[in-house]
Structures are given as C-alpha cells and as structure tokens.
Protein backbone atom coordinates (compact mmCIF):
# COMPACT_ATOMS: atom_id res chain seq x y z
CA MET A 1 -60.62 114.26 200.30
CA ILE A 2 -61.81 116.94 198.63
CA SER A 3 -62.43 115.62 194.94
CA GLY A 4 -61.47 117.93 192.21
CA PRO A 5 -59.56 118.86 189.51
CA GLY A 6 -55.91 118.56 190.12
CA ASP A 7 -53.59 115.86 191.84
CA ASN A 8 -54.05 114.87 195.63
CA VAL A 9 -56.20 117.40 196.92
CA ILE A 10 -55.89 117.58 200.83
CA LYS A 11 -57.55 120.07 203.66
CA ILE A 12 -55.09 120.29 206.46
CA ASP A 13 -55.34 122.51 208.65
CA ALA A 14 -57.90 124.45 206.74
CA ILE A 15 -55.51 125.21 204.22
CA ILE A 16 -55.89 123.51 199.96
CA LYS A 17 -52.54 122.45 198.72
CA VAL A 18 -52.61 120.69 195.74
CA ASN A 19 -49.63 119.69 193.38
CA ASN A 20 -50.59 122.31 191.08
CA SER A 21 -50.28 125.74 192.93
CA CYS A 22 -52.67 127.61 190.18
CA ILE A 23 -55.51 124.65 191.19
CA ALA A 24 -54.22 125.37 194.66
CA PHE A 25 -54.97 129.06 194.89
CA GLN A 26 -57.96 128.83 192.84
CA TYR A 27 -59.26 126.78 195.63
CA ASN A 28 -58.19 128.68 198.23
CA TYR A 29 -59.81 131.60 197.08
CA ASN A 30 -62.84 130.32 196.07
CA LEU A 31 -63.45 128.94 199.84
CA ARG A 32 -62.78 132.62 201.60
CA ILE A 33 -65.03 134.15 199.30
CA LEU A 34 -68.14 132.00 199.84
CA GLY A 35 -68.57 132.71 203.32
CA PHE A 36 -68.68 136.56 202.52
CA ARG A 37 -71.11 135.77 199.54
CA LEU A 38 -73.04 133.50 201.60
CA TYR A 39 -73.43 136.16 204.55
CA LEU A 40 -74.46 138.67 202.09
CA GLN A 41 -77.38 135.95 200.44
CA GLY A 42 -78.22 136.18 204.03
CA MET A 43 -78.17 139.63 204.42
CA ASP A 44 -79.82 139.90 201.20
CA LYS A 45 -83.09 138.83 203.00
CA ASN A 46 -82.89 140.21 205.88
CA SER A 47 -80.82 143.62 206.29
CA VAL A 48 -82.06 147.50 205.96
CA PHE A 49 -79.02 147.63 203.71
CA PHE A 50 -80.17 144.88 200.76
CA ASP A 51 -80.61 147.13 197.61
CA GLU A 52 -80.75 145.82 194.20
CA ASN A 53 -78.92 148.89 192.65
CA LEU A 54 -75.68 148.13 194.91
CA ASN A 55 -75.86 144.80 194.29
CA TYR A 56 -75.91 145.30 190.49
CA LEU A 57 -73.15 147.61 190.99
CA ARG A 58 -70.86 145.08 192.69
CA LYS A 59 -71.83 142.05 190.03
CA SER A 60 -71.12 145.05 187.14
CA LEU A 61 -67.62 146.13 188.62
CA ILE A 62 -66.74 141.97 189.12
CA GLU A 63 -67.60 141.21 186.05
CA HIS A 64 -66.51 144.15 183.85
CA PRO A 65 -65.06 143.61 180.34
CA LEU A 66 -61.73 144.81 181.37
CA TYR A 67 -60.65 141.55 182.60
CA ASN A 68 -61.50 139.88 179.11
CA TYR A 69 -59.07 141.79 177.37
CA MET A 70 -56.18 141.82 179.77
CA ASP A 71 -53.60 139.23 178.50
CA ASN A 72 -50.01 140.92 178.63
CA LEU A 73 -47.48 142.19 180.50
CA SER A 74 -47.91 145.64 178.61
CA ASP A 75 -51.67 145.06 179.62
CA ILE A 76 -51.04 144.54 183.53
CA LYS A 77 -48.86 147.34 183.84
CA LYS A 78 -51.50 150.03 182.32
CA PHE A 79 -53.97 148.57 185.06
CA MET A 80 -51.27 149.21 188.06
CA GLU A 81 -50.34 152.56 186.68
CA VAL A 82 -54.16 153.43 187.38
CA HIS A 83 -55.82 150.87 189.78
CA VAL A 84 -52.73 151.68 192.34
CA TYR A 85 -54.59 155.46 193.41
CA ALA A 86 -57.37 152.61 194.90
CA VAL A 87 -54.48 151.24 196.67
CA TRP A 88 -53.45 154.06 197.98
CA ASP A 89 -56.55 155.93 198.90
CA PHE A 90 -58.30 152.72 200.60
CA MET A 91 -55.68 153.04 203.63
CA SER A 92 -56.93 157.08 204.06
CA LEU A 93 -60.48 155.18 204.40
CA VAL A 94 -59.40 153.04 206.98
CA LYS A 95 -56.91 155.56 209.41
CA ASN A 96 -60.10 157.92 209.01
CA LEU A 97 -62.69 154.81 210.54
CA GLN A 98 -59.20 154.33 212.97
CA ILE A 99 -59.58 158.12 214.10
CA ASN A 100 -63.42 158.12 214.45
CA LEU A 101 -63.98 154.49 216.03
CA THR A 102 -60.63 153.69 218.51
CA CYS A 103 -58.77 156.16 220.48
CA ILE A 104 -55.44 158.03 219.57
CA ASN A 105 -54.76 160.38 221.73
CA THR A 106 -53.62 160.40 225.34
CA PRO A 107 -54.44 160.77 227.94
CA TRP A 108 -56.47 157.45 226.91
CA ILE A 109 -60.33 156.09 227.42
CA PRO A 110 -61.79 153.19 225.73
CA SER A 111 -63.66 152.92 223.25
CA GLU A 112 -67.19 152.85 222.85
CA ASN A 113 -67.30 149.96 220.97
CA SER A 114 -64.66 147.24 221.47
CA VAL A 115 -65.68 145.12 218.66
CA THR A 116 -65.61 148.04 216.07
CA ALA A 117 -62.30 148.92 217.09
CA ARG A 118 -60.43 145.37 217.17
CA LEU A 119 -62.03 145.38 213.40
CA ILE A 120 -60.55 148.53 212.45
CA ASN A 121 -57.51 148.30 214.42
CA GLU A 122 -57.00 144.57 213.06
CA ILE A 123 -57.14 145.82 208.99
CA VAL A 124 -54.92 148.89 209.53
CA TRP A 125 -52.37 146.49 210.89
CA GLY A 126 -52.65 144.01 208.29
CA GLU A 127 -53.00 146.26 205.92
CA GLU A 128 -50.23 149.16 207.10
CA THR A 129 -47.82 147.02 208.32
CA ASP A 130 -48.07 143.14 206.51
CA ILE A 131 -44.82 140.71 205.58
CA ASP A 132 -43.73 140.99 201.78
CA LYS A 133 -42.47 137.92 200.01
CA ASN A 134 -38.99 138.17 201.84
CA ASP A 135 -40.35 138.56 204.98
CA VAL A 136 -40.16 142.30 205.87
CA ALA A 137 -42.47 144.25 207.24
CA LYS A 138 -44.25 146.54 204.39
CA SER A 139 -47.80 148.04 203.99
CA HIS A 140 -50.09 146.15 200.92
CA PHE A 141 -49.03 149.76 199.40
CA GLU A 142 -45.40 149.53 199.27
CA MET A 143 -46.07 145.95 198.05
CA TYR A 144 -48.11 147.41 195.12
CA LEU A 145 -45.19 149.85 194.38
CA ASP A 146 -42.07 146.80 194.65
CA SER A 147 -44.63 144.58 192.10
CA MET A 148 -44.97 147.67 189.77
CA ASN A 149 -41.16 148.69 189.97
CA GLU A 150 -40.52 144.73 189.17
CA ILE A 151 -42.69 144.58 186.01
CA GLY A 152 -41.51 147.73 184.86
CA ALA A 153 -45.10 150.27 185.39
CA ASN A 154 -44.92 153.57 185.88
CA THR A 155 -44.52 154.83 189.81
CA ASN A 156 -43.47 158.26 189.11
CA LYS A 157 -47.58 160.05 189.43
CA ILE A 158 -48.01 158.32 192.67
CA GLU A 159 -44.47 158.62 194.25
CA LEU A 160 -45.06 162.40 193.67
CA LEU A 161 -48.61 162.69 194.82
CA THR A 162 -47.40 161.36 198.32
CA ARG A 163 -44.52 163.51 198.12
CA HIS A 164 -46.82 166.12 197.64
CA VAL A 165 -48.96 164.49 200.98
CA LYS A 166 -45.59 164.25 203.22
CA GLU A 167 -45.35 167.77 202.33
CA GLY A 168 -48.10 168.86 204.19
CA LYS A 169 -49.79 170.03 200.96
CA ASP A 170 -54.03 170.06 200.43
CA ILE A 171 -54.95 166.89 199.11
CA PHE A 172 -57.79 168.32 196.65
CA LYS A 173 -54.60 170.70 195.29
CA ILE A 174 -52.88 167.72 194.61
CA ILE A 175 -55.32 165.96 193.12
CA GLU A 176 -56.14 169.45 190.83
CA ASN A 177 -52.76 169.50 189.98
CA LEU A 178 -51.73 165.67 189.33
CA GLY A 179 -50.83 164.85 186.25
CA VAL A 180 -53.68 162.01 185.57
CA SER A 181 -56.93 161.79 183.72
CA ASN A 182 -60.06 163.20 184.51
CA GLU A 183 -61.29 159.54 185.93
CA ILE A 184 -58.16 159.13 188.90
CA LYS A 185 -59.52 162.70 190.05
CA ASP A 186 -62.95 162.41 190.22
CA PHE A 187 -61.92 159.17 192.04
CA LEU A 188 -60.04 160.13 194.66
CA ASN A 189 -61.61 163.43 194.78
CA PHE A 190 -65.11 161.17 196.08
CA THR A 191 -62.69 159.44 198.62
CA PHE A 192 -61.29 162.81 199.50
CA SER A 193 -64.78 164.52 199.69
CA ILE A 194 -66.46 161.37 201.92
CA ILE A 195 -63.60 161.61 204.78
CA LYS A 196 -63.90 165.10 204.75
CA GLU A 197 -67.27 164.90 205.26
CA ASN A 198 -66.67 163.14 208.29
CA LYS A 199 -70.08 160.97 208.54
CA VAL A 200 -68.56 157.85 209.85
CA HIS A 201 -71.74 155.41 209.13
CA VAL A 202 -71.27 156.43 205.72
CA THR A 203 -67.23 156.42 205.44
CA ALA A 204 -67.61 152.79 206.92
CA ALA A 205 -70.08 152.05 204.26
CA VAL A 206 -68.03 153.01 201.76
CA PHE A 207 -65.20 151.29 202.66
CA THR A 208 -67.27 147.82 203.10
CA PHE A 209 -69.34 148.39 199.92
CA GLY A 210 -66.92 150.42 197.57
CA ARG A 211 -63.58 148.21 198.59
CA GLU A 212 -61.99 145.22 196.28
CA ASP A 213 -63.02 142.50 198.82
CA LEU A 214 -64.04 140.13 195.42
CA ILE A 215 -61.06 140.09 192.98
CA PRO A 216 -62.10 138.53 190.38
CA ASN A 217 -60.82 134.39 190.11
CA MET A 218 -60.18 135.78 186.06
CA PHE A 219 -57.59 138.62 186.76
CA ILE A 220 -55.28 136.21 189.22
CA GLU A 221 -55.15 133.44 186.34
CA ILE A 222 -54.49 136.49 184.14
CA VAL A 223 -51.61 137.56 186.12
CA ARG A 224 -50.46 133.34 186.82
CA LYS A 225 -50.53 132.80 183.02
CA ILE A 226 -48.25 135.82 182.58
CA LYS A 227 -45.92 134.16 185.08
CA LEU A 228 -45.20 131.61 182.70
CA GLU A 229 -43.05 134.00 180.18
CA ASN A 230 -41.89 136.48 182.27
CA LYS A 231 -41.37 135.97 185.89
CA SER A 232 -41.46 139.34 186.77
CA VAL A 233 -44.96 139.49 188.39
CA GLU A 234 -43.83 137.21 191.20
CA SER A 235 -44.70 140.44 193.56
CA LEU A 236 -47.54 140.95 192.18
CA ILE A 237 -49.23 137.79 192.75
CA TYR A 238 -48.01 137.99 196.28
CA TYR A 239 -49.53 140.79 196.94
CA LEU A 240 -52.68 139.35 195.42
CA GLU A 241 -52.74 136.46 197.18
CA ARG A 242 -51.88 138.11 200.29
CA HIS A 243 -54.92 140.57 199.97
CA ILE A 244 -57.30 138.20 199.43
CA GLU A 245 -55.60 135.73 202.45
CA MET A 246 -55.93 138.90 204.80
CA ASP A 247 -59.14 139.75 204.07
CA GLY A 248 -60.46 136.28 205.05
CA ASP A 249 -63.93 135.77 205.05
CA HIS A 250 -65.01 137.33 208.95
CA HIS A 251 -63.97 141.11 207.99
CA GLY A 252 -66.69 141.13 205.77
CA PRO A 253 -69.77 140.01 208.08
CA MET A 254 -68.11 141.97 211.30
CA ALA A 255 -68.10 145.40 208.62
CA LEU A 256 -72.04 144.60 207.55
CA ASN A 257 -72.19 145.13 211.26
CA MET A 258 -70.22 147.86 212.03
CA ILE A 259 -72.31 149.98 209.37
CA SER A 260 -75.37 148.61 211.07
CA ASN A 261 -74.45 149.70 214.19
CA LEU A 262 -73.26 153.31 213.06
CA CYS A 263 -76.43 153.98 211.17
CA GLU A 264 -78.40 153.16 214.54
CA ASN A 265 -81.76 151.93 212.14
CA ASN A 266 -82.06 155.36 211.62
CA ASP A 267 -83.47 155.76 207.88
CA ASN A 268 -81.69 158.87 207.10
CA LYS A 269 -77.92 157.09 207.97
CA ILE A 270 -78.91 154.32 206.26
CA LYS A 271 -79.78 156.12 203.19
CA GLU A 272 -76.76 158.19 203.41
CA ALA A 273 -74.79 155.13 203.61
CA LEU A 274 -76.72 153.32 200.35
CA ASP A 275 -76.11 156.06 198.31
CA ALA A 276 -72.68 157.12 199.52
CA SER A 277 -71.98 152.99 198.57
CA LYS A 278 -73.34 153.62 195.40
CA LEU A 279 -71.69 156.63 193.80
CA ALA A 280 -68.10 155.12 195.32
CA LEU A 281 -68.87 151.80 193.06
CA LYS A 282 -69.98 153.99 189.84
CA LYS A 283 -66.77 156.14 190.54
CA ARG A 284 -64.90 152.75 190.17
CA ILE A 285 -66.69 151.28 187.26
CA LYS A 286 -65.94 154.54 185.92
CA LEU A 287 -62.33 154.15 186.57
CA TRP A 288 -62.40 150.51 185.28
CA ASP A 289 -63.76 151.68 182.00
CA TYR A 290 -61.11 154.34 181.39
CA ILE A 291 -58.41 151.07 181.46
CA TYR A 292 -60.46 149.42 179.46
CA GLU A 293 -60.55 151.93 177.04
CA GLN A 294 -56.81 152.38 176.87
CA ILE A 295 -56.28 148.33 176.40
CA LYS A 296 -59.01 147.29 174.04
C-alpha cells in the first residue's frame, strides 16, 4: 500500500491506480521521471558530460514562466501551433541516428553496436508507429496533429511544410519561405544544420539533452483543468501521457550511454556534444519565450 493523496492508492503490476485519475497520472508521471532524474544526479558526479550550464538550461526550460500563464483553451492552441514544429523535427533527429547507427541498406550487415541500434530502433518504433487512443497505428506527430484539429488549432503551416518535404524541396528553402516567426525558423534551421553536419555524437547529444524528456507536471495539470470545461482536449492528454509512458525511465540512461560510446573519451567530441546540447536548449527556450510573449 502506498500512502498519499487520493483514495485507495494501490500499486499493481508497476502501475499506479487510484480512483482520482488526475492524481493517478501525477503518481505515474513522478515515478517514471524519478528514475531518470536520479540517473542524472549520478551522472553529475561521475560523468564527463556533467556541465553546470547545461543543467541550468534544462532547469530553465522546465520551469519556464510560460506554464504559469496558460490557463485556457486559447493559450493551449497558441502553444501547440508553435510546439508542433518541435514534435515534427524531433523525428528527423531520431531517423538520422537510425541511419548512422543501424544498417538500413541491402545487403544487410550487423550494426557495430547492437545495444545502441536497439535503443534507436525502439524509439523509432514507439515514435513512428505507436497506437492512438482509438487503437490505430500512428506516429506521435500525427497524434499531435489530431489533437490540434480536435481543439481547433491551426495546422495549415505545418501541413504545408510536410507537403513541401514530400515534394522533395530543400528543407532550408522550405523553412526560409515558411510564413512563421523567426524563432521557429531559427529552431528548425538549427536542427537541420546539426543533421547536415552529420556528426553522430553531436546529433545524439542534441537528441538526448535537447528533447522533451521532462514535460512539467504543471502543463499536464493545466490541460486536465481545461478538460473539465471542454472535452476537446482528450486527444492531447492521451498524447502527453503516451509520450511520457513510451519514454519511461530507461531511454534516458541508455541514451547517455550511447553518447558516451560515440564520444569515445575524446575531449573534442565531448566538447562538441556539450556545446551543441546547450545551443539546442537555448533555441528551445527562445521558442518558449516567443509563445510566452504571445499569451501573457
């Protein structure tokens, strides 16, 4: 028996179940994230990737004042209309790592590091072909678009971007001509510059330290409160919960091990990885600053 807020809190098959679903999710979130946070604390003491500035930037992103100002459906729409670009370009980082760390050619040969290959393939499987709330196989990006459509957020520009990509147009030209803010353009240009540079240790670092592995409780609870007034956020809640569930507490440690292996104790590679990670977080914070200015 686990004591705490809510009624009849019981641990069954490593899943916390309570009568109050809001408290249930909070317990589920805290337990999943706790393992990764503890691992990072251990890394802080022992790893060459410990960097106070990196930790400060991650903390600044998680505790961004933006979350204190979102309190209605209109604010969530504005947030999603910007955040969707981060959801989309995340998959390009993952696919670039899959290209570099697994064999996708024929004739096939084994990967140099099966553990790393498994990690990337597992993440691709979960992010590219997950199951939505209706038990339909979809990518998390497609789930996010469904959530946007459900609440009435504008998807025209992100869908225009993906259409141009399908047509084979240059990604940097697409970004340049896209009618979005400079903050969104800078964010996307940075991601695809990292991919174009094709230094796998740098891409892995940006993927690991610059991603959304610690979605604040505050944001989840904001969305849940809005649900009491408007049922149109159900798909968004499913996406957020599923995103955390799929990430779990083992991808983080595996990803850190992956970076360590790729940097090969090379001081220059370690510095490149850390510098790129900090720049990725700065780009994300600027993106959040932009949304904050739109809603405050």
